[in-house]
Amino acid sequence: MTGKLDTGNSTPVCALHAEDVTIKGKKITWKLHGKTHTKPLHRNVTLQKPAETRPVVLMDIEFLSTVYKDVEVSLDARGKIPLLLNRDFMSRANVMINSSRKFMLTNKGEDISD
């Protein structure tokens, strides 16, 4: 899945597109790409912009062949960008951003030339 590394957003959690979200007790169920997923509800997060509260689950995210365990991800109807990765995740993944390039992924320590 294509995600966006959101360098300008200090949101405390990442965000994932979710449809038909239902919460029953401590379980949350949602649909993504036609598949139904269920996870324990970790917590709710209140955002300032937009001013709303979203459910949060813990997910494992694989990025550049490394699995990052227990990443906090809020569920929301995202539209064009199905996955938004926040600055905390980028720090954890040791990501550096080159704002003049798009869709460039490399392994740590790899020498890159234009």
PDB file of N, CA and C in Angstrom:
ATOM      1  N   MET A   1       0.841  -1.165   0.000  1.00  0.00           N
ATOM      2  CA  MET A   1       0.000   0.000   0.000  1.00  0.00           C
ATOM      3  C   MET A   1       0.892   1.236   0.000  1.00  0.00           C
ATOM      4  N   THR A   2       0.529   2.211  -0.747  1.00  0.00           N
ATOM      5  CA  THR A   2       1.272   3.464  -0.789  1.00  0.00           C
ATOM      6  C   THR A   2       0.845   4.330   0.385  1.00  0.00           C
ATOM      7  N   GLY A   3       1.823   4.825   1.114  1.00  0.00           N
ATOM      8  CA  GLY A   3       1.548   5.710   2.229  1.00  0.00           C
ATOM      9  C   GLY A   3       2.265   7.030   2.030  1.00  0.00           C
ATOM     10  N   LYS A   4       1.864   8.005   2.787  1.00  0.00           N
ATOM     11  CA  LYS A   4       2.496   9.316   2.722  1.00  0.00           C
ATOM     12  C   LYS A   4       3.254   9.550   4.013  1.00  0.00           C
ATOM     13  N   LEU A   5       4.506   9.965   3.886  1.00  0.00           N
ATOM     14  CA  LEU A   5       5.314  10.368   5.033  1.00  0.00           C
ATOM     15  C   LEU A   5       5.002  11.836   5.296  1.00  0.00           C
ATOM     16  N   ASP A   6       4.306  12.101   6.370  1.00  0.00           N
ATOM     17  CA  ASP A   6       3.784  13.439   6.634  1.00  0.00           C
ATOM     18  C   ASP A   6       4.718  14.192   7.574  1.00  0.00           C
ATOM     19  N   THR A   7       5.683  14.908   6.999  1.00  0.00           N
ATOM     20  CA  THR A   7       6.690  15.613   7.788  1.00  0.00           C
ATOM     21  C   THR A   7       6.137  16.847   8.491  1.00  0.00           C
ATOM     22  N   GLY A   8       5.055  17.410   8.016  1.00  0.00           N
ATOM     23  CA  GLY A   8       4.539  18.651   8.579  1.00  0.00           C
ATOM     24  C   GLY A   8       3.489  18.442   9.644  1.00  0.00           C
ATOM     25  N   ASN A   9       3.173  17.206   9.955  1.00  0.00           N
ATOM     26  CA  ASN A   9       2.078  16.936  10.867  1.00  0.00           C
ATOM     27  C   ASN A   9       2.615  16.332  12.155  1.00  0.00           C
ATOM     28  N   SER A  10       2.276  16.921  13.278  1.00  0.00           N
ATOM     29  CA  SER A  10       2.734  16.396  14.559  1.00  0.00           C
ATOM     30  C   SER A  10       1.656  15.556  15.240  1.00  0.00           C
ATOM     31  N   THR A  11       0.728  15.022  14.459  1.00  0.00           N
ATOM     32  CA  THR A  11      -0.314  14.161  14.993  1.00  0.00           C
ATOM     33  C   THR A  11       0.321  13.007  15.764  1.00  0.00           C
ATOM     34  N   PRO A  12      -0.220  12.655  16.918  1.00  0.00           N
ATOM     35  CA  PRO A  12       0.409  11.629  17.750  1.00  0.00           C
ATOM     36  C   PRO A  12       0.284  10.201  17.218  1.00  0.00           C
ATOM     37  N   VAL A  13      -0.526   9.976  16.180  1.00  0.00           N
ATOM     38  CA  VAL A  13      -0.713   8.628  15.638  1.00  0.00           C
ATOM     39  C   VAL A  13      -0.678   8.665  14.114  1.00  0.00           C
ATOM     40  N   CYS A  14      -0.381   7.534  13.498  1.00  0.00           N
ATOM     41  CA  CYS A  14      -0.510   7.391  12.051  1.00  0.00           C
ATOM     42  C   CYS A  14      -2.000   7.255  11.742  1.00  0.00           C
ATOM     43  N   ALA A  15      -2.370   7.282  10.461  1.00  0.00           N
ATOM     44  CA  ALA A  15      -3.782   7.181  10.095  1.00  0.00           C
ATOM     45  C   ALA A  15      -3.950   6.211   8.929  1.00  0.00           C
ATOM     46  N   LEU A  16      -5.007   5.404   8.995  1.00  0.00           N
ATOM     47  CA  LEU A  16      -5.306   4.408   7.978  1.00  0.00           C
ATOM     48  C   LEU A  16      -6.741   4.591   7.515  1.00  0.00           C
ATOM     49  N   HIS A  17      -6.949   4.477   6.201  1.00  0.00           N
ATOM     50  CA  HIS A  17      -8.299   4.557   5.655  1.00  0.00           C
ATOM     51  C   HIS A  17      -9.114   3.371   6.152  1.00  0.00           C
ATOM     52  N   ALA A  18     -10.329   3.623   6.597  1.00  0.00           N
ATOM     53  CA  ALA A  18     -11.210   2.563   7.076  1.00  0.00           C
ATOM     54  C   ALA A  18     -12.648   2.899   6.703  1.00  0.00           C
ATOM     55  N   GLU A  19     -13.372   1.878   6.296  1.00  0.00           N
ATOM     56  CA  GLU A  19     -14.793   2.026   5.968  1.00  0.00           C
ATOM     57  C   GLU A  19     -15.605   1.148   6.905  1.00  0.00           C
ATOM     58  N   ASP A  20     -16.862   1.505   7.111  1.00  0.00           N
ATOM     59  CA  ASP A  20     -17.792   0.720   7.928  1.00  0.00           C
ATOM     60  C   ASP A  20     -17.197   0.373   9.286  1.00  0.00           C
ATOM     61  N   VAL A  21     -16.694   1.358   9.989  1.00  0.00           N
ATOM     62  CA  VAL A  21     -16.083   1.156  11.307  1.00  0.00           C
ATOM     63  C   VAL A  21     -17.175   0.913  12.343  1.00  0.00           C
ATOM     64  N   THR A  22     -17.029  -0.191  13.090  1.00  0.00           N
ATOM     65  CA  THR A  22     -17.948  -0.475  14.192  1.00  0.00           C
ATOM     66  C   THR A  22     -17.139  -0.864  15.423  1.00  0.00           C
ATOM     67  N   ILE A  23     -17.570  -0.363  16.565  1.00  0.00           N
ATOM     68  CA  ILE A  23     -16.910  -0.673  17.831  1.00  0.00           C
ATOM     69  C   ILE A  23     -17.910  -1.395  18.711  1.00  0.00           C
ATOM     70  N   LYS A  24     -17.525  -2.585  19.175  1.00  0.00           N
ATOM     71  CA  LYS A  24     -18.357  -3.367  20.094  1.00  0.00           C
ATOM     72  C   LYS A  24     -17.490  -3.725  21.291  1.00  0.00           C
ATOM     73  N   GLY A  25     -17.733  -3.043  22.389  1.00  0.00           N
ATOM     74  CA  GLY A  25     -16.920  -3.271  23.580  1.00  0.00           C
ATOM     75  C   GLY A  25     -15.491  -2.835  23.339  1.00  0.00           C
ATOM     76  N   LYS A  26     -14.552  -3.769  23.467  1.00  0.00           N
ATOM     77  CA  LYS A  26     -13.126  -3.468  23.286  1.00  0.00           C
ATOM     78  C   LYS A  26     -12.612  -3.930  21.919  1.00  0.00           C
ATOM     79  N   LYS A  27     -13.519  -4.274  20.988  1.00  0.00           N
ATOM     80  CA  LYS A  27     -13.126  -4.722  19.642  1.00  0.00           C
ATOM     81  C   LYS A  27     -13.603  -3.713  18.607  1.00  0.00           C
ATOM     82  N   ILE A  28     -12.776  -3.495  17.592  1.00  0.00           N
ATOM     83  CA  ILE A  28     -13.145  -2.610  16.500  1.00  0.00           C
ATOM     84  C   ILE A  28     -13.024  -3.380  15.186  1.00  0.00           C
ATOM     85  N   THR A  29     -14.020  -3.219  14.331  1.00  0.00           N
ATOM     86  CA  THR A  29     -14.057  -3.888  13.031  1.00  0.00           C
ATOM     87  C   THR A  29     -14.189  -2.820  11.955  1.00  0.00           C
ATOM     88  N   TRP A  30     -13.450  -3.003  10.853  1.00  0.00           N
ATOM     89  CA  TRP A  30     -13.529  -2.071   9.739  1.00  0.00           C
ATOM     90  C   TRP A  30     -13.220  -2.803   8.442  1.00  0.00           C
ATOM     91  N   LYS A  31     -13.522  -2.133   7.338  1.00  0.00           N
ATOM     92  CA  LYS A  31     -13.211  -2.685   6.019  1.00  0.00           C
ATOM     93  C   LYS A  31     -12.142  -1.830   5.352  1.00  0.00           C
ATOM     94  N   LEU A  32     -11.240  -2.522   4.663  1.00  0.00           N
ATOM     95  CA  LEU A  32     -10.191  -1.866   3.889  1.00  0.00           C
ATOM     96  C   LEU A  32      -9.974  -2.696   2.644  1.00  0.00           C
ATOM     97  N   HIS A  33     -10.139  -2.093   1.477  1.00  0.00           N
ATOM     98  CA  HIS A  33      -9.980  -2.766   0.189  1.00  0.00           C
ATOM     99  C   HIS A  33     -10.867  -4.006   0.095  1.00  0.00           C
ATOM    100  N   GLY A  34     -12.087  -3.924   0.629  1.00  0.00           N
ATOM    101  CA  GLY A  34     -13.033  -5.032   0.540  1.00  0.00           C
ATOM    102  C   GLY A  34     -12.850  -6.130   1.572  1.00  0.00           C
ATOM    103  N   LYS A  35     -11.803  -6.052   2.382  1.00  0.00           N
ATOM    104  CA  LYS A  35     -11.566  -7.057   3.426  1.00  0.00           C
ATOM    105  C   LYS A  35     -11.981  -6.500   4.781  1.00  0.00           C
ATOM    106  N   THR A  36     -12.531  -7.387   5.616  1.00  0.00           N
ATOM    107  CA  THR A  36     -12.926  -7.007   6.968  1.00  0.00           C
ATOM    108  C   THR A  36     -11.801  -7.331   7.938  1.00  0.00           C
ATOM    109  N   HIS A  37     -11.482  -6.385   8.805  1.00  0.00           N
ATOM    110  CA  HIS A  37     -10.422  -6.540   9.801  1.00  0.00           C
ATOM    111  C   HIS A  37     -10.997  -6.284  11.186  1.00  0.00           C
ATOM    112  N   THR A  38     -10.501  -7.005  12.182  1.00  0.00           N
ATOM    113  CA  THR A  38     -10.910  -6.811  13.570  1.00  0.00           C
ATOM    114  C   THR A  38      -9.667  -6.797  14.445  1.00  0.00           C
ATOM    115  N   LYS A  39      -9.615  -5.833  15.342  1.00  0.00           N
ATOM    116  CA  LYS A  39      -8.490  -5.708  16.285  1.00  0.00           C
ATOM    117  C   LYS A  39      -9.037  -5.189  17.610  1.00  0.00           C
ATOM    118  N   PRO A  40      -8.262  -5.359  18.666  1.00  0.00           N
ATOM    119  CA  PRO A  40      -8.650  -4.726  19.932  1.00  0.00           C
ATOM    120  C   PRO A  40      -8.551  -3.199  19.817  1.00  0.00           C
ATOM    121  N   LEU A  41      -9.496  -2.512  20.411  1.00  0.00           N
ATOM    122  CA  LEU A  41      -9.437  -1.050  20.472  1.00  0.00           C
ATOM    123  C   LEU A  41      -8.373  -0.688  21.490  1.00  0.00           C
ATOM    124  N   HIS A  42      -7.336   0.021  21.050  1.00  0.00           N
ATOM    125  CA  HIS A  42      -6.230   0.399  21.933  1.00  0.00           C
ATOM    126  C   HIS A  42      -6.603   1.614  22.779  1.00  0.00           C
ATOM    127  N   ARG A  43      -7.120   2.646  22.110  1.00  0.00           N
ATOM    128  CA  ARG A  43      -7.535   3.879  22.785  1.00  0.00           C
ATOM    129  C   ARG A  43      -8.226   4.764  21.765  1.00  0.00           C
ATOM    130  N   ASN A  44      -8.675   5.925  22.158  1.00  0.00           N
ATOM    131  CA  ASN A  44      -9.193   6.952  21.256  1.00  0.00           C
ATOM    132  C   ASN A  44      -8.238   8.128  21.303  1.00  0.00           C
ATOM    133  N   VAL A  45      -8.107   8.802  20.177  1.00  0.00           N
ATOM    134  CA  VAL A  45      -7.258   9.989  20.123  1.00  0.00           C
ATOM    135  C   VAL A  45      -8.132  11.172  19.703  1.00  0.00           C
ATOM    136  N   THR A  46      -7.923  12.307  20.363  1.00  0.00           N
ATOM    137  CA  THR A  46      -8.640  13.530  20.011  1.00  0.00           C
ATOM    138  C   THR A  46      -7.679  14.432  19.249  1.00  0.00           C
ATOM    139  N   LEU A  47      -8.069  14.794  18.048  1.00  0.00           N
ATOM    140  CA  LEU A  47      -7.244  15.651  17.189  1.00  0.00           C
ATOM    141  C   LEU A  47      -7.749  17.080  17.238  1.00  0.00           C
ATOM    142  N   GLN A  48      -6.841  18.026  16.959  1.00  0.00           N
ATOM    143  CA  GLN A  48      -7.224  19.432  16.951  1.00  0.00           C
ATOM    144  C   GLN A  48      -7.704  19.866  15.569  1.00  0.00           C
ATOM    145  N   LYS A  49      -6.998  19.411  14.517  1.00  0.00           N
ATOM    146  CA  LYS A  49      -7.368  19.781  13.140  1.00  0.00           C
ATOM    147  C   LYS A  49      -7.369  18.530  12.287  1.00  0.00           C
ATOM    148  N   PRO A  50      -8.507  18.027  11.867  1.00  0.00           N
ATOM    149  CA  PRO A  50      -9.851  18.487  12.219  1.00  0.00           C
ATOM    150  C   PRO A  50     -10.192  18.100  13.650  1.00  0.00           C
ATOM    151  N   ALA A  51     -11.053  18.870  14.256  1.00  0.00           N
ATOM    152  CA  ALA A  51     -11.441  18.617  15.641  1.00  0.00           C
ATOM    153  C   ALA A  51     -12.355  17.401  15.690  1.00  0.00           C
ATOM    154  N   GLU A  52     -11.786  16.251  16.029  1.00  0.00           N
ATOM    155  CA  GLU A  52     -12.571  15.023  16.104  1.00  0.00           C
ATOM    156  C   GLU A  52     -11.834  13.981  16.943  1.00  0.00           C
ATOM    157  N   THR A  53     -12.556  12.958  17.322  1.00  0.00           N
ATOM    158  CA  THR A  53     -11.990  11.836  18.064  1.00  0.00           C
ATOM    159  C   THR A  53     -12.029  10.610  17.166  1.00  0.00           C
ATOM    160  N   ARG A  54     -10.907   9.870  17.126  1.00  0.00           N
ATOM    161  CA  ARG A  54     -10.812   8.677  16.278  1.00  0.00           C
ATOM    162  C   ARG A  54     -10.368   7.478  17.110  1.00  0.00           C
ATOM    163  N   PRO A  55     -10.838   6.281  16.733  1.00  0.00           N
ATOM    164  CA  PRO A  55     -10.356   5.072  17.401  1.00  0.00           C
ATOM    165  C   PRO A  55      -8.936   4.743  16.947  1.00  0.00           C
ATOM    166  N   VAL A  56      -8.157   4.151  17.861  1.00  0.00           N
ATOM    167  CA  VAL A  56      -6.763   3.803  17.579  1.00  0.00           C
ATOM    168  C   VAL A  56      -6.557   2.310  17.838  1.00  0.00           C
ATOM    169  N   VAL A  57      -5.854   1.656  16.897  1.00  0.00           N
ATOM    170  CA  VAL A  57      -5.458   0.257  17.055  1.00  0.00           C
ATOM    171  C   VAL A  57      -3.941   0.173  16.973  1.00  0.00           C
ATOM    172  N   LEU A  58      -3.380  -0.925  17.455  1.00  0.00           N
ATOM    173  CA  LEU A  58      -1.947  -1.174  17.309  1.00  0.00           C
ATOM    174  C   LEU A  58      -1.745  -2.087  16.107  1.00  0.00           C
ATOM    175  N   MET A  59      -0.836  -1.701  15.212  1.00  0.00           N
ATOM    176  CA  MET A  59      -0.580  -2.491  14.015  1.00  0.00           C
ATOM    177  C   MET A  59       0.915  -2.683  13.831  1.00  0.00           C
ATOM    178  N   ASP A  60       1.283  -3.753  13.152  1.00  0.00           N
ATOM    179  CA  ASP A  60       2.659  -3.962  12.727  1.00  0.00           C
ATOM    180  C   ASP A  60       2.757  -3.439  11.303  1.00  0.00           C
ATOM    181  N   ILE A  61       3.738  -2.571  11.047  1.00  0.00           N
ATOM    182  CA  ILE A  61       3.916  -1.993   9.718  1.00  0.00           C
ATOM    183  C   ILE A  61       5.273  -2.423   9.180  1.00  0.00           C
ATOM    184  N   GLU A  62       5.269  -3.024   7.983  1.00  0.00           N
ATOM    185  CA  GLU A  62       6.520  -3.388   7.333  1.00  0.00           C
ATOM    186  C   GLU A  62       6.911  -2.259   6.392  1.00  0.00           C
ATOM    187  N   PHE A  63       8.130  -1.767   6.561  1.00  0.00           N
ATOM    188  CA  PHE A  63       8.642  -0.659   5.758  1.00  0.00           C
ATOM    189  C   PHE A  63      10.105  -0.949   5.452  1.00  0.00           C
ATOM    190  N   LEU A  64      10.456  -1.018   4.177  1.00  0.00           N
ATOM    191  CA  LEU A  64      11.820  -1.319   3.742  1.00  0.00           C
ATOM    192  C   LEU A  64      12.355  -2.593   4.406  1.00  0.00           C
ATOM    193  N   SER A  65      11.545  -3.638   4.359  1.00  0.00           N
ATOM    194  CA  SER A  65      11.907  -4.975   4.860  1.00  0.00           C
ATOM    195  C   SER A  65      12.109  -5.050   6.372  1.00  0.00           C
ATOM    196  N   THR A  66      11.686  -4.045   7.105  1.00  0.00           N
ATOM    197  CA  THR A  66      11.741  -4.071   8.563  1.00  0.00           C
ATOM    198  C   THR A  66      10.314  -3.964   9.087  1.00  0.00           C
ATOM    199  N   VAL A  67       9.977  -4.796  10.075  1.00  0.00           N
ATOM    200  CA  VAL A  67       8.650  -4.750  10.676  1.00  0.00           C
ATOM    201  C   VAL A  67       8.714  -3.919  11.952  1.00  0.00           C
ATOM    202  N   TYR A  68       7.886  -2.894  12.024  1.00  0.00           N
ATOM    203  CA  TYR A  68       7.780  -2.030  13.191  1.00  0.00           C
ATOM    204  C   TYR A  68       6.523  -2.448  13.947  1.00  0.00           C
ATOM    205  N   LYS A  69       6.724  -2.964  15.142  1.00  0.00           N
ATOM    206  CA  LYS A  69       5.632  -3.537  15.929  1.00  0.00           C
ATOM    207  C   LYS A  69       4.900  -2.465  16.738  1.00  0.00           C
ATOM    208  N   ASP A  70       3.622  -2.721  16.923  1.00  0.00           N
ATOM    209  CA  ASP A  70       2.769  -1.910  17.800  1.00  0.00           C
ATOM    210  C   ASP A  70       2.795  -0.423  17.463  1.00  0.00           C
ATOM    211  N   VAL A  71       2.588  -0.102  16.191  1.00  0.00           N
ATOM    212  CA  VAL A  71       2.472   1.292  15.749  1.00  0.00           C
ATOM    213  C   VAL A  71       1.027   1.739  15.996  1.00  0.00           C
ATOM    214  N   GLU A  72       0.858   2.872  16.655  1.00  0.00           N
ATOM    215  CA  GLU A  72      -0.485   3.395  16.886  1.00  0.00           C
ATOM    216  C   GLU A  72      -1.040   3.976  15.585  1.00  0.00           C
ATOM    217  N   VAL A  73      -2.219   3.471  15.181  1.00  0.00           N
ATOM    218  CA  VAL A  73      -2.843   3.879  13.923  1.00  0.00           C
ATOM    219  C   VAL A  73      -4.306   4.219  14.194  1.00  0.00           C
ATOM    220  N   SER A  74      -4.698   5.436  13.812  1.00  0.00           N
ATOM    221  CA  SER A  74      -6.111   5.810  13.938  1.00  0.00           C
ATOM    222  C   SER A  74      -6.833   5.410  12.659  1.00  0.00           C
ATOM    223  N   LEU A  75      -8.124   5.130  12.783  1.00  0.00           N
ATOM    224  CA  LEU A  75      -8.938   4.720  11.643  1.00  0.00           C
ATOM    225  C   LEU A  75      -9.834   5.873  11.244  1.00  0.00           C
ATOM    226  N   ASP A  76      -9.852   6.162   9.918  1.00  0.00           N
ATOM    227  CA  ASP A  76     -10.582   7.321   9.422  1.00  0.00           C
ATOM    228  C   ASP A  76     -10.854   7.134   7.936  1.00  0.00           C
ATOM    229  N   ALA A  77     -11.888   7.772   7.421  1.00  0.00           N
ATOM    230  CA  ALA A  77     -12.140   7.790   5.980  1.00  0.00           C
ATOM    231  C   ALA A  77     -11.145   8.765   5.353  1.00  0.00           C
ATOM    232  N   ARG A  78     -10.077   8.231   4.747  1.00  0.00           N
ATOM    233  CA  ARG A  78      -8.961   9.058   4.301  1.00  0.00           C
ATOM    234  C   ARG A  78      -9.072   9.528   2.855  1.00  0.00           C
ATOM    235  N   GLY A  79      -9.769   8.826   2.013  1.00  0.00           N
ATOM    236  CA  GLY A  79      -9.846   9.247   0.619  1.00  0.00           C
ATOM    237  C   GLY A  79      -8.645   8.826  -0.191  1.00  0.00           C
ATOM    238  N   LYS A  80      -7.944   9.792  -0.824  1.00  0.00           N
ATOM    239  CA  LYS A  80      -6.868   9.485  -1.772  1.00  0.00           C
ATOM    240  C   LYS A  80      -5.630   8.848  -1.141  1.00  0.00           C
ATOM    241  N   ILE A  81      -5.311   9.182   0.072  1.00  0.00           N
ATOM    242  CA  ILE A  81      -4.093   8.656   0.711  1.00  0.00           C
ATOM    243  C   ILE A  81      -4.521   7.649   1.784  1.00  0.00           C
ATOM    244  N   PRO A  82      -4.382   6.334   1.491  1.00  0.00           N
ATOM    245  CA  PRO A  82      -4.900   5.343   2.435  1.00  0.00           C
ATOM    246  C   PRO A  82      -4.098   5.225   3.731  1.00  0.00           C
ATOM    247  N   LEU A  83      -2.825   5.613   3.720  1.00  0.00           N
ATOM    248  CA  LEU A  83      -1.990   5.476   4.909  1.00  0.00           C
ATOM    249  C   LEU A  83      -1.139   6.725   5.082  1.00  0.00           C
ATOM    250  N   LEU A  84      -1.236   7.320   6.253  1.00  0.00           N
ATOM    251  CA  LEU A  84      -0.464   8.517   6.568  1.00  0.00           C
ATOM    252  C   LEU A  84       0.455   8.167   7.735  1.00  0.00           C
ATOM    253  N   LEU A  85       1.756   8.274   7.516  1.00  0.00           N
ATOM    254  CA  LEU A  85       2.751   7.929   8.537  1.00  0.00           C
ATOM    255  C   LEU A  85       3.291   9.206   9.166  1.00  0.00           C
ATOM    256  N   ASN A  86       3.219   9.299  10.485  1.00  0.00           N
ATOM    257  CA  ASN A  86       3.585  10.536  11.174  1.00  0.00           C
ATOM    258  C   ASN A  86       5.088  10.625  11.452  1.00  0.00           C
ATOM    259  N   ARG A  87       5.496  11.739  12.048  1.00  0.00           N
ATOM    260  CA  ARG A  87       6.921  11.975  12.322  1.00  0.00           C
ATOM    261  C   ARG A  87       7.484  10.985  13.338  1.00  0.00           C
ATOM    262  N   ASP A  88       6.670  10.542  14.294  1.00  0.00           N
ATOM    263  CA  ASP A  88       7.151   9.548  15.256  1.00  0.00           C
ATOM    264  C   ASP A  88       7.545   8.257  14.538  1.00  0.00           C
ATOM    265  N   PHE A  89       6.716   7.810  13.586  1.00  0.00           N
ATOM    266  CA  PHE A  89       7.058   6.600  12.831  1.00  0.00           C
ATOM    267  C   PHE A  89       8.321   6.828  12.008  1.00  0.00           C
ATOM    268  N   MET A  90       8.428   7.990  11.370  1.00  0.00           N
ATOM    269  CA  MET A  90       9.614   8.271  10.552  1.00  0.00           C
ATOM    270  C   MET A  90      10.878   8.259  11.404  1.00  0.00           C
ATOM    271  N   SER A  91      10.801   8.784  12.608  1.00  0.00           N
ATOM    272  CA  SER A  91      11.949   8.764  13.507  1.00  0.00           C
ATOM    273  C   SER A  91      12.298   7.329  13.892  1.00  0.00           C
ATOM    274  N   ARG A  92      11.288   6.556  14.218  1.00  0.00           N
ATOM    275  CA  ARG A  92      11.491   5.151  14.581  1.00  0.00           C
ATOM    276  C   ARG A  92      12.108   4.352  13.431  1.00  0.00           C
ATOM    277  N   ALA A  93      11.720   4.684  12.190  1.00  0.00           N
ATOM    278  CA  ALA A  93      12.217   3.984  11.009  1.00  0.00           C
ATOM    279  C   ALA A  93      13.506   4.607  10.467  1.00  0.00           C
ATOM    280  N   ASN A  94      14.005   5.647  11.137  1.00  0.00           N
ATOM    281  CA  ASN A  94      15.238   6.315  10.722  1.00  0.00           C
ATOM    282  C   ASN A  94      15.144   6.840   9.285  1.00  0.00           C
ATOM    283  N   VAL A  95      14.039   7.522   8.987  1.00  0.00           N
ATOM    284  CA  VAL A  95      13.769   8.026   7.636  1.00  0.00           C
ATOM    285  C   VAL A  95      14.278   9.452   7.509  1.00  0.00           C
ATOM    286  N   MET A  96      14.939   9.722   6.395  1.00  0.00           N
ATOM    287  CA  MET A  96      15.331  11.090   6.040  1.00  0.00           C
ATOM    288  C   MET A  96      14.542  11.471   4.797  1.00  0.00           C
ATOM    289  N   ILE A  97      14.087  12.705   4.740  1.00  0.00           N
ATOM    290  CA  ILE A  97      13.237  13.165   3.647  1.00  0.00           C
ATOM    291  C   ILE A  97      14.028  14.070   2.708  1.00  0.00           C
ATOM    292  N   ASN A  98      13.937  13.788   1.417  1.00  0.00           N
ATOM    293  CA  ASN A  98      14.479  14.657   0.373  1.00  0.00           C
ATOM    294  C   ASN A  98      13.266  15.237  -0.343  1.00  0.00           C
ATOM    295  N   SER A  99      12.915  16.470  -0.029  1.00  0.00           N
ATOM    296  CA  SER A  99      11.675  17.064  -0.542  1.00  0.00           C
ATOM    297  C   SER A  99      11.692  17.306  -2.044  1.00  0.00           C
ATOM    298  N   SER A 100      12.837  17.197  -2.696  1.00  0.00           N
ATOM    299  CA  SER A 100      12.891  17.388  -4.143  1.00  0.00           C
ATOM    300  C   SER A 100      12.642  16.086  -4.906  1.00  0.00           C
ATOM    301  N   ARG A 101      12.465  14.959  -4.193  1.00  0.00           N
ATOM    302  CA  ARG A 101      12.255  13.658  -4.833  1.00  0.00           C
ATOM    303  C   ARG A 101      10.909  13.080  -4.419  1.00  0.00           C
ATOM    304  N   LYS A 102      10.328  12.236  -5.293  1.00  0.00           N
ATOM    305  CA  LYS A 102       9.083  11.540  -4.995  1.00  0.00           C
ATOM    306  C   LYS A 102       9.299  10.049  -5.134  1.00  0.00           C
ATOM    307  N   PHE A 103       8.659   9.267  -4.263  1.00  0.00           N
ATOM    308  CA  PHE A 103       8.654   7.804  -4.331  1.00  0.00           C
ATOM    309  C   PHE A 103      10.053   7.219  -4.387  1.00  0.00           C
ATOM    310  N   MET A 104      10.950   7.721  -3.561  1.00  0.00           N
ATOM    311  CA  MET A 104      12.315   7.204  -3.516  1.00  0.00           C
ATOM    312  C   MET A 104      12.500   6.475  -2.191  1.00  0.00           C
ATOM    313  N   LEU A 105      12.783   5.184  -2.258  1.00  0.00           N
ATOM    314  CA  LEU A 105      13.040   4.390  -1.064  1.00  0.00           C
ATOM    315  C   LEU A 105      14.409   3.759  -1.194  1.00  0.00           C
ATOM    316  N   THR A 106      15.186   3.815  -0.144  1.00  0.00           N
ATOM    317  CA  THR A 106      16.507   3.189  -0.155  1.00  0.00           C
ATOM    318  C   THR A 106      16.728   2.518   1.184  1.00  0.00           C
ATOM    319  N   ASN A 107      17.732   1.692   1.246  1.00  0.00           N
ATOM    320  CA  ASN A 107      18.114   1.081   2.515  1.00  0.00           C
ATOM    321  C   ASN A 107      19.073   2.006   3.238  1.00  0.00           C
ATOM    322  N   LYS A 108      19.146   1.869   4.552  1.00  0.00           N
ATOM    323  CA  LYS A 108      20.017   2.713   5.365  1.00  0.00           C
ATOM    324  C   LYS A 108      21.450   2.584   4.891  1.00  0.00           C
ATOM    325  N   GLY A 109      22.151   3.716   4.793  1.00  0.00           N
ATOM    326  CA  GLY A 109      23.556   3.710   4.453  1.00  0.00           C
ATOM    327  C   GLY A 109      23.875   3.543   2.974  1.00  0.00           C
ATOM    328  N   GLU A 110      22.850   3.422   2.135  1.00  0.00           N
ATOM    329  CA  GLU A 110      23.077   3.245   0.702  1.00  0.00           C
ATOM    330  C   GLU A 110      23.449   4.574   0.077  1.00  0.00           C
ATOM    331  N   ASP A 111      24.471   4.598  -0.775  1.00  0.00           N
ATOM    332  CA  ASP A 111      24.897   5.815  -1.461  1.00  0.00           C
ATOM    333  C   ASP A 111      23.954   6.060  -2.642  1.00  0.00           C
ATOM    334  N   ILE A 112      23.347   7.255  -2.689  1.00  0.00           N
ATOM    335  CA  ILE A 112      22.391   7.585  -3.733  1.00  0.00           C
ATOM    336  C   ILE A 112      22.913   8.756  -4.557  1.00  0.00           C
ATOM    337  N   SER A 113      22.854   8.608  -5.847  1.00  0.00           N
ATOM    338  CA  SER A 113      23.218   9.740  -6.714  1.00  0.00           C
ATOM    339  C   SER A 113      22.073   9.996  -7.676  1.00  0.00           C
ATOM    340  N   ASP A 114      21.899  11.258  -8.056  1.00  0.00           N
ATOM    341  CA  ASP A 114      20.814  11.609  -9.001  1.00  0.00           C
ATOM    342  C   ASP A 114      21.209  11.066 -10.320  1.00  0.00           C
TER     343      ASP A 114
END
